[in-house]
Amino acid sequence: MKNDLLKRREFLGNISKAGLLSCLPIGQLSAETTAPRETNTFLTAPYLQHMTPEAVTLMWITSQKSLNWVELGEPGGEKRKLQSARHGLVEAYNRINKIRATGLKPGTTYEYSIFSREIQVFEPYKVVYGETIQQGPFTFTTPAAKPDEVSLVVFNDLHNHPANITELIEKFGKEDEYDFVVFNGDTFNWVDGEEPIVKDLLTPCGKAFSTKRPFLMIQGNHEPRGNYARQMFDYFDYPEDRCYYAFTQGPVRFVVMDSGEDKNDTDVEYSGLVSFDDYRKEQAEWLEKEIQSKEFKQAAFRVVFIHIPVWHAGDRHGTLHCRELFNPLFNKGKIDIAISGHTHRYKTWDADPQTHHYPIVIGGGPGFTGRGGGTRTIIKLHATRRQLSLRMLIDDGTVVGAYDLKK
């Protein structure tokens, strides 16, 4: 019986191969059988996503499809092997790796390394592995369970200018001065493949901070453009698998909104491929519940990230729709400050009892020469239970926007 089963499997495998080979031109068959195999390499360093006191997601990308895992533990202690699995299957034969480490201890430093073992052949009854490559060790520290303070830095409107990340972090982002980094929209001009995601975001982040500190990737109005826009989300880990969400760190409740595109859904530029009006309505329904939540109400401060400012950003449809849906809820929930971008002109707007009952901070542009380049900025925020301080700086260190909000 066993021999019959093996013969059947061999027969099926040979039939499948024969059918496939018969469909190939002779020239293509010859080229494919003699072409040298590309070496598997890491396209990125590991980068951290969605960190909480008890969990973090570790991500990286390889050039070839692989079996991937993490070895993680406290420095000097035993390491445990972590892999992702769904429906009883270990995630494998993939290039974009997303492994969630759970059961961590708050306020604890961990050491980790990442491993990828190339899968050269993946057939129903035959798997051939290649070399195993490794990066590490690296370290990160989980947030305390109830920290008394939180610090972060915010970028916006980088538009494929990776040097802005490394240069401004080096100038103004000392490691002990931020817990995470926020990319507040329009990191890219458009998304037409993996290359700009790696080259213009993940590579500079890896050099500057992201092996040890997480970042938030917020969608602007340029990320939805391009034939790879729908795949972009595979490269990040979002709470509840969506681009709008809220989380608490230290004394702050952070609310992340997705403002969507800036023009009508029916605009000719979008070719009938977007539905942001309904998406914004969906977010408004969620936001109504969020501002009633215990976590929101009990936070000492409430900070909103939204790429398109709901005021002071022109009168295109996207801005006006965000204003119509979100601004009344921001006022009702008594948020403390909103941080935005989009205009490429840095500016702060104080709370106004007639419009927005909270300050609005708008970051600068990517900093290139010419129309729309603007002046690049970095926004630094630090909050304790009694005070939230924000500073917006330009290249020479000049503070071009500041708030000190006290409770």
Protein backbone atom coordinates (compact mmCIF):
# COMPACT_ATOMS: atom_id res chain seq x y z
CA MET A 1 0.00 0.00 0.00
CA LYS A 2 2.82 2.40 0.93
CA ASN A 3 4.71 1.67 -2.30
CA ASP A 4 1.54 2.24 -4.33
CA LEU A 5 1.04 5.62 -2.65
CA LEU A 6 4.62 6.66 -3.36
CA LYS A 7 4.29 5.59 -7.01
CA ARG A 8 1.06 7.56 -7.34
CA ARG A 9 2.73 10.70 -5.91
CA GLU A 10 5.69 10.29 -8.26
CA PHE A 11 3.34 9.77 -11.21
CA LEU A 12 1.32 12.90 -10.39
CA GLY A 13 4.48 14.93 -9.94
CA ASN A 14 5.88 13.77 -13.28
CA ILE A 15 2.61 14.48 -15.08
CA SER A 16 2.51 18.02 -13.64
CA LYS A 17 6.10 18.71 -14.64
CA ALA A 18 5.61 17.31 -18.11
CA GLY A 19 2.53 19.44 -18.67
CA LEU A 20 4.29 22.59 -17.58
CA LEU A 21 7.43 21.89 -19.58
CA SER A 22 5.44 21.20 -22.74
CA CYS A 23 3.98 24.71 -22.54
CA LEU A 24 7.40 26.41 -22.53
CA PRO A 25 9.23 27.46 -25.69
CA ILE A 26 12.47 25.57 -26.22
CA GLY A 27 14.57 28.71 -25.77
CA GLN A 28 12.86 29.60 -22.51
CA LEU A 29 13.23 26.03 -21.23
CA SER A 30 16.95 26.07 -21.94
CA ALA A 31 17.44 29.46 -20.31
CA GLU A 32 15.50 28.53 -17.19
CA THR A 33 17.35 25.26 -16.67
CA THR A 34 20.76 26.90 -16.96
CA ALA A 35 20.17 30.30 -15.31
CA PRO A 36 22.17 30.73 -12.10
CA ARG A 37 20.16 31.04 -8.90
CA GLU A 38 20.20 34.43 -7.22
CA THR A 39 21.61 34.48 -3.70
CA ASN A 40 19.08 35.14 -0.97
CA THR A 41 19.80 38.42 0.81
CA PHE A 42 18.13 40.72 3.31
CA LEU A 43 16.63 43.74 1.58
CA THR A 44 16.05 45.48 4.92
CA ALA A 45 17.14 45.38 8.51
CA PRO A 46 14.41 44.25 10.89
CA TYR A 47 11.93 47.00 11.72
CA LEU A 48 9.56 47.16 14.66
CA GLN A 49 5.83 47.75 14.44
CA HIS A 50 2.84 47.96 16.78
CA MET A 51 4.75 47.82 20.06
CA THR A 52 2.88 47.49 23.37
CA PRO A 53 4.16 46.70 26.88
CA GLU A 54 3.65 42.99 26.19
CA ALA A 55 4.11 42.55 22.44
CA VAL A 56 5.82 43.79 19.29
CA THR A 57 5.78 42.89 15.61
CA LEU A 58 9.13 42.24 13.92
CA MET A 59 9.26 42.67 10.15
CA TRP A 60 11.85 42.34 7.40
CA ILE A 61 12.11 41.58 3.69
CA THR A 62 14.25 39.05 1.83
CA SER A 63 15.10 38.84 -1.85
CA GLN A 64 13.98 35.19 -2.16
CA LYS A 65 11.07 33.25 -0.71
CA SER A 66 12.08 31.70 2.58
CA LEU A 67 11.19 30.06 5.87
CA ASN A 68 11.66 32.75 8.50
CA TRP A 69 11.93 33.01 12.25
CA VAL A 70 13.08 35.15 15.16
CA GLU A 71 15.16 34.10 18.16
CA LEU A 72 14.39 36.38 21.09
CA GLY A 73 15.09 36.61 24.80
CA GLU A 74 16.50 38.76 27.53
CA PRO A 75 20.24 39.50 27.15
CA GLY A 76 22.27 36.59 28.50
CA GLY A 77 19.17 34.43 28.86
CA GLU A 78 17.63 31.62 26.88
CA LYS A 79 16.27 32.55 23.45
CA ARG A 80 12.93 31.31 22.17
CA LYS A 81 12.17 30.68 18.51
CA LEU A 82 9.20 32.59 17.10
CA GLN A 83 7.37 32.01 13.83
CA SER A 84 4.03 33.07 12.40
CA ALA A 85 1.37 30.48 11.68
CA ARG A 86 -2.19 30.57 10.35
CA HIS A 87 -4.73 27.76 10.05
CA GLY A 88 -2.13 25.30 11.30
CA LEU A 89 0.41 26.29 8.67
CA VAL A 90 3.72 27.95 9.47
CA GLU A 91 4.07 31.04 7.31
CA ALA A 92 6.63 30.15 4.65
CA TYR A 93 7.61 30.72 1.04
CA ASN A 94 7.24 34.46 1.52
CA ARG A 95 9.50 37.49 1.30
CA ILE A 96 7.70 40.02 3.51
CA ASN A 97 7.98 38.75 7.04
CA LYS A 98 5.72 39.72 9.92
CA ILE A 99 6.22 37.89 13.22
CA ARG A 100 4.35 38.94 16.36
CA ALA A 101 6.22 38.43 19.64
CA THR A 102 3.74 38.17 22.53
CA GLY A 103 4.03 37.41 26.22
CA LEU A 104 6.74 40.01 26.75
CA LYS A 105 7.33 41.78 30.04
CA PRO A 106 6.70 45.53 30.31
CA GLY A 107 9.71 47.79 30.65
CA THR A 108 12.13 45.03 29.70
CA THR A 109 15.05 44.96 27.28
CA TYR A 110 15.12 42.08 24.80
CA GLU A 111 17.76 40.84 22.40
CA TYR A 112 16.81 39.28 19.08
CA SER A 113 18.13 37.98 15.78
CA ILE A 114 16.27 37.23 12.56
CA PHE A 115 16.76 34.20 10.30
CA SER A 116 15.66 33.37 6.76
CA ARG A 117 16.20 29.97 5.14
CA GLU A 118 15.64 30.07 1.41
CA ILE A 119 13.11 27.65 -0.05
CA GLN A 120 14.46 26.73 -3.47
CA VAL A 121 11.84 24.11 -4.35
CA PHE A 122 8.34 23.95 -2.87
CA GLU A 123 6.33 21.07 -4.29
CA PRO A 124 3.48 19.09 -2.70
CA TYR A 125 5.77 16.34 -1.46
CA LYS A 126 9.20 17.88 -1.81
CA VAL A 127 10.79 20.96 -0.24
CA VAL A 128 14.40 21.88 -0.95
CA TYR A 129 16.05 24.43 1.33
CA GLY A 130 18.96 26.69 0.52
CA GLU A 131 21.24 28.67 2.79
CA THR A 132 20.15 30.25 6.06
CA ILE A 133 21.02 33.92 6.48
CA GLN A 134 20.96 35.86 9.75
CA GLN A 135 20.93 39.42 11.08
CA GLY A 136 21.51 40.41 14.66
CA PRO A 137 21.62 40.55 17.53
CA PHE A 138 19.58 43.71 18.01
CA THR A 139 17.83 45.03 21.10
CA PHE A 140 14.60 46.81 21.99
CA THR A 141 12.89 47.76 25.23
CA THR A 142 9.16 47.40 25.77
CA PRO A 143 7.24 50.33 27.28
CA ALA A 144 6.44 50.18 30.96
CA ALA A 145 2.92 49.02 31.83
CA LYS A 146 1.84 52.50 32.93
CA PRO A 147 4.65 54.90 32.10
CA ASP A 148 4.46 58.43 33.45
CA GLU A 149 5.68 60.00 30.22
CA VAL A 150 6.02 59.47 26.49
CA SER A 151 8.18 61.06 23.78
CA LEU A 152 8.05 60.86 20.01
CA VAL A 153 9.10 62.57 16.80
CA VAL A 154 6.94 63.25 13.76
CA PHE A 155 7.82 63.51 10.07
CA ASN A 156 5.43 64.44 7.29
CA ASP A 157 5.51 64.94 3.54
CA LEU A 158 8.89 63.35 2.90
CA HIS A 159 7.93 62.62 -0.73
CA ASN A 160 10.72 60.10 -1.35
CA HIS A 161 13.46 62.10 0.40
CA PRO A 162 15.08 59.48 2.66
CA ALA A 163 17.90 61.77 3.80
CA ASN A 164 15.35 63.79 5.75
CA ILE A 165 14.93 60.86 8.11
CA THR A 166 18.57 60.14 8.85
CA GLU A 167 19.73 63.76 8.90
CA LEU A 168 16.97 65.17 11.10
CA ILE A 169 17.00 62.21 13.49
CA GLU A 170 20.77 62.61 13.85
CA LYS A 171 20.43 66.33 14.53
CA PHE A 172 17.42 66.40 16.82
CA GLY A 173 16.40 62.88 17.82
CA LYS A 174 18.69 61.61 20.53
CA GLU A 175 17.80 58.02 21.36
CA ASP A 176 16.67 58.79 24.89
CA GLU A 177 14.35 61.51 23.59
CA TYR A 178 11.77 59.44 21.71
CA ASP A 179 9.88 56.18 22.18
CA PHE A 180 8.56 55.93 18.63
CA VAL A 181 8.48 57.77 15.31
CA VAL A 182 5.44 58.87 13.31
CA PHE A 183 5.32 59.26 9.52
CA ASN A 184 2.28 61.47 9.14
CA GLY A 185 1.44 60.95 5.48
CA ASP A 186 2.87 61.51 2.00
CA THR A 187 6.03 59.59 2.72
CA PHE A 188 5.90 58.74 -1.00
CA ASN A 189 4.81 60.61 -4.13
CA TRP A 190 3.02 57.45 -5.19
CA VAL A 191 3.51 53.72 -4.70
CA ASP A 192 4.37 51.82 -7.87
CA GLY A 193 6.44 48.98 -6.44
CA GLU A 194 8.44 47.67 -3.53
CA GLU A 195 11.61 49.60 -4.34
CA PRO A 196 10.56 53.04 -3.00
CA ILE A 197 9.17 51.47 0.17
CA VAL A 198 12.55 49.85 0.82
CA LYS A 199 14.83 52.60 -0.48
CA ASP A 200 13.02 55.70 0.74
CA LEU A 201 11.62 54.49 4.06
CA LEU A 202 12.75 51.15 5.43
CA THR A 203 16.46 51.56 4.65
CA PRO A 204 16.91 54.99 6.28
CA CYS A 205 14.73 53.92 9.20
CA GLY A 206 16.90 50.85 9.69
CA LYS A 207 20.02 52.99 9.77
CA ALA A 208 18.52 55.51 12.17
CA PHE A 209 16.29 53.71 14.67
CA SER A 210 13.81 51.03 13.57
CA THR A 211 15.70 47.95 14.76
CA LYS A 212 15.11 49.16 18.32
CA ARG A 213 12.18 51.59 18.13
CA PRO A 214 8.86 51.26 16.28
CA PHE A 215 7.28 53.64 13.83
CA LEU A 216 3.74 54.44 12.71
CA MET A 217 3.05 54.65 8.98
CA ILE A 218 0.06 56.92 8.35
CA GLN A 219 -1.49 57.17 4.91
CA GLY A 220 -1.57 60.58 3.25
CA ASN A 221 -3.23 61.58 0.00
CA HIS A 222 -0.29 60.43 -2.14
CA GLU A 223 0.10 56.86 -0.88
CA PRO A 224 -3.21 55.79 -2.51
CA ARG A 225 -1.75 56.61 -5.94
CA GLY A 226 0.06 54.01 -8.02
CA ASN A 227 -0.43 50.40 -9.02
CA TYR A 228 1.21 49.07 -5.84
CA ALA A 229 -0.81 51.19 -3.39
CA ARG A 230 -2.97 48.27 -2.33
CA GLN A 231 0.05 46.12 -1.55
CA MET A 232 1.76 48.84 0.52
CA PHE A 233 -0.15 47.83 3.65
CA ASP A 234 1.54 44.40 3.60
CA TYR A 235 4.77 46.12 4.66
CA PHE A 236 3.41 47.43 7.97
CA ASP A 237 1.46 46.14 10.95
CA TYR A 238 -1.61 48.12 11.93
CA PRO A 239 -3.67 47.55 15.08
CA GLU A 240 -6.84 45.72 14.10
CA ASP A 241 -5.47 45.64 10.54
CA ARG A 242 -6.72 49.10 9.59
CA CYS A 243 -5.19 52.54 9.06
CA TYR A 244 -7.28 54.35 11.67
CA TYR A 245 -6.99 53.36 15.31
CA ALA A 246 -6.21 54.60 18.80
CA PHE A 247 -3.73 53.56 21.46
CA THR A 248 -2.51 54.76 24.83
CA GLN A 249 1.11 55.23 25.75
CA GLY A 250 2.05 57.01 28.93
CA PRO A 251 -0.44 59.76 29.77
CA VAL A 252 -1.57 60.23 26.15
CA ARG A 253 -4.36 58.73 24.10
CA PHE A 254 -3.20 58.86 20.49
CA VAL A 255 -5.84 58.83 17.74
CA VAL A 256 -4.69 58.06 14.19
CA MET A 257 -7.02 59.11 11.38
CA ASP A 258 -6.77 58.45 7.64
CA SER A 259 -7.83 61.61 5.81
CA GLY A 260 -7.78 59.91 2.40
CA GLU A 261 -7.46 61.65 -0.93
CA ASP A 262 -7.87 65.40 -1.27
CA LYS A 263 -10.22 65.43 -4.27
CA ASN A 264 -13.64 63.96 -5.03
CA ASP A 265 -13.87 60.21 -5.46
CA THR A 266 -15.24 60.90 -8.95
CA ASP A 267 -12.21 62.98 -9.99
CA VAL A 268 -10.72 61.86 -13.30
CA GLU A 269 -7.33 61.28 -11.63
CA TYR A 270 -8.69 58.31 -9.68
CA SER A 271 -10.27 56.46 -12.62
CA GLY A 272 -13.12 55.15 -10.48
CA LEU A 273 -10.75 53.26 -8.17
CA VAL A 274 -11.28 55.00 -4.81
CA SER A 275 -14.06 55.21 -2.23
CA PHE A 276 -12.81 57.65 0.38
CA ASP A 277 -16.14 59.31 1.15
CA ASP A 278 -17.55 56.07 2.54
CA TYR A 279 -14.23 55.34 4.23
CA ARG A 280 -14.27 58.68 6.05
CA LYS A 281 -17.88 58.07 7.14
CA GLU A 282 -16.80 54.71 8.51
CA GLN A 283 -14.05 56.43 10.49
CA ALA A 284 -16.46 59.01 11.86
CA GLU A 285 -18.69 56.24 13.22
CA TRP A 286 -15.67 54.67 14.87
CA LEU A 287 -14.45 58.02 16.23
CA GLU A 288 -17.82 58.69 17.85
CA LYS A 289 -17.35 55.51 19.86
CA GLU A 290 -13.68 56.18 20.57
CA ILE A 291 -14.29 59.55 22.23
CA GLN A 292 -16.78 57.84 24.55
CA SER A 293 -14.34 55.11 25.55
CA LYS A 294 -12.85 54.86 29.01
CA GLU A 295 -9.32 54.93 27.59
CA PHE A 296 -9.98 58.19 25.77
CA LYS A 297 -11.76 59.91 28.63
CA GLN A 298 -9.24 58.90 31.30
CA ALA A 299 -6.14 59.97 29.36
CA ALA A 300 -4.41 63.10 30.62
CA PHE A 301 -3.95 64.27 27.01
CA ARG A 302 -5.52 63.38 23.66
CA VAL A 303 -3.47 63.82 20.49
CA VAL A 304 -4.71 63.34 16.91
CA PHE A 305 -2.54 62.51 13.90
CA ILE A 306 -4.23 63.27 10.57
CA HIS A 307 -2.40 64.07 7.35
CA ILE A 308 -4.81 66.63 5.88
CA PRO A 309 -5.61 69.36 8.42
CA VAL A 310 -9.33 69.76 8.92
CA TRP A 311 -8.81 73.54 8.80
CA HIS A 312 -6.25 75.83 7.11
CA ALA A 313 -5.63 73.53 4.14
CA GLY A 314 -7.69 75.00 1.32
CA ASP A 315 -11.16 74.07 0.19
CA ARG A 316 -10.76 70.87 -1.77
CA HIS A 317 -13.29 68.16 -1.16
CA GLY A 318 -11.08 65.98 1.04
CA THR A 319 -10.34 68.81 3.44
CA LEU A 320 -13.97 69.90 3.65
CA HIS A 321 -15.24 66.35 4.13
CA CYS A 322 -12.75 65.73 6.95
CA ARG A 323 -13.84 69.01 8.51
CA GLU A 324 -17.52 68.11 8.23
CA LEU A 325 -17.14 64.63 9.71
CA PHE A 326 -14.21 64.81 12.11
CA ASN A 327 -13.96 68.37 13.46
CA PRO A 328 -17.24 68.25 15.42
CA LEU A 329 -16.06 65.02 17.05
CA PHE A 330 -12.62 66.45 17.81
CA ASN A 331 -14.36 69.37 19.52
CA LYS A 332 -16.85 67.14 21.29
CA GLY A 333 -14.10 64.84 22.55
CA LYS A 334 -12.02 67.82 23.66
CA ILE A 335 -8.82 66.71 21.99
CA ASP A 336 -5.76 68.66 23.11
CA ILE A 337 -3.92 69.02 19.81
CA ALA A 338 -3.99 67.83 16.18
CA ILE A 339 -0.79 67.25 14.20
CA SER A 340 -0.96 67.35 10.39
CA GLY A 341 1.00 68.02 7.20
CA HIS A 342 -0.14 68.21 3.57
CA THR A 343 0.30 71.93 2.83
CA HIS A 344 4.14 71.89 2.79
CA ARG A 345 4.02 75.14 4.78
CA TYR A 346 4.81 74.82 8.46
CA LYS A 347 2.42 76.70 10.69
CA THR A 348 0.69 76.53 14.06
CA TRP A 349 -2.88 77.61 14.62
CA ASP A 350 -4.14 78.28 18.12
CA ALA A 351 -7.45 76.95 19.38
CA ASP A 352 -10.42 78.94 18.14
CA PRO A 353 -13.80 78.72 19.90
CA GLN A 354 -15.56 79.41 16.58
CA THR A 355 -13.89 76.63 14.57
CA HIS A 356 -11.43 74.17 16.10
CA HIS A 357 -11.30 74.15 19.91
CA TYR A 358 -7.76 72.76 19.86
CA PRO A 359 -4.40 73.85 18.38
CA ILE A 360 -3.47 72.57 14.93
CA VAL A 361 0.20 71.99 14.07
CA ILE A 362 1.09 71.65 10.38
CA GLY A 363 4.55 70.36 9.50
CA GLY A 364 6.65 71.57 6.58
CA GLY A 365 7.51 70.03 3.22
CA PRO A 366 10.19 67.70 1.87
CA GLY A 367 12.66 70.56 1.49
CA PHE A 368 13.60 70.24 -2.18
CA THR A 369 14.27 73.30 -4.32
CA GLY A 370 11.40 74.52 -6.44
CA ARG A 371 7.63 74.71 -6.35
CA GLY A 372 6.10 72.79 -3.46
CA GLY A 373 9.41 71.96 -1.81
CA GLY A 374 8.70 73.84 1.37
CA THR A 375 11.00 73.70 4.38
CA ARG A 376 11.55 70.37 6.08
CA THR A 377 10.64 70.06 9.74
CA ILE A 378 10.76 67.61 12.58
CA ILE A 379 8.15 67.75 15.34
CA LYS A 380 9.08 66.60 18.84
CA LEU A 381 6.48 65.86 21.48
CA HIS A 382 6.97 65.00 25.14
CA ALA A 383 4.18 64.49 27.65
CA THR A 384 3.96 63.86 31.38
CA ARG A 385 0.75 63.62 33.35
CA ARG A 386 0.87 67.36 33.98
CA GLN A 387 2.23 68.85 30.77
CA LEU A 388 2.42 68.19 27.04
CA SER A 389 5.22 70.03 25.22
CA LEU A 390 5.58 70.23 21.45
CA ARG A 391 8.38 71.79 19.44
CA MET A 392 8.58 72.04 15.65
CA LEU A 393 12.12 72.65 14.37
CA ILE A 394 13.74 73.40 11.03
CA ASP A 395 17.24 72.44 9.90
CA ASP A 396 19.18 75.05 11.81
CA GLY A 397 17.43 74.20 15.06
CA THR A 398 15.11 77.19 15.03
CA VAL A 399 11.83 76.47 16.79
CA VAL A 400 9.05 77.48 14.40
CA GLY A 401 6.15 76.18 16.47
CA ALA A 402 5.70 75.49 20.16
CA TYR A 403 2.98 74.53 22.62
CA ASP A 404 3.07 73.78 26.33
CA LEU A 405 -0.30 72.45 27.44
CA LYS A 406 -0.84 71.95 31.14
CA LYS A 407 -3.38 69.97 33.15
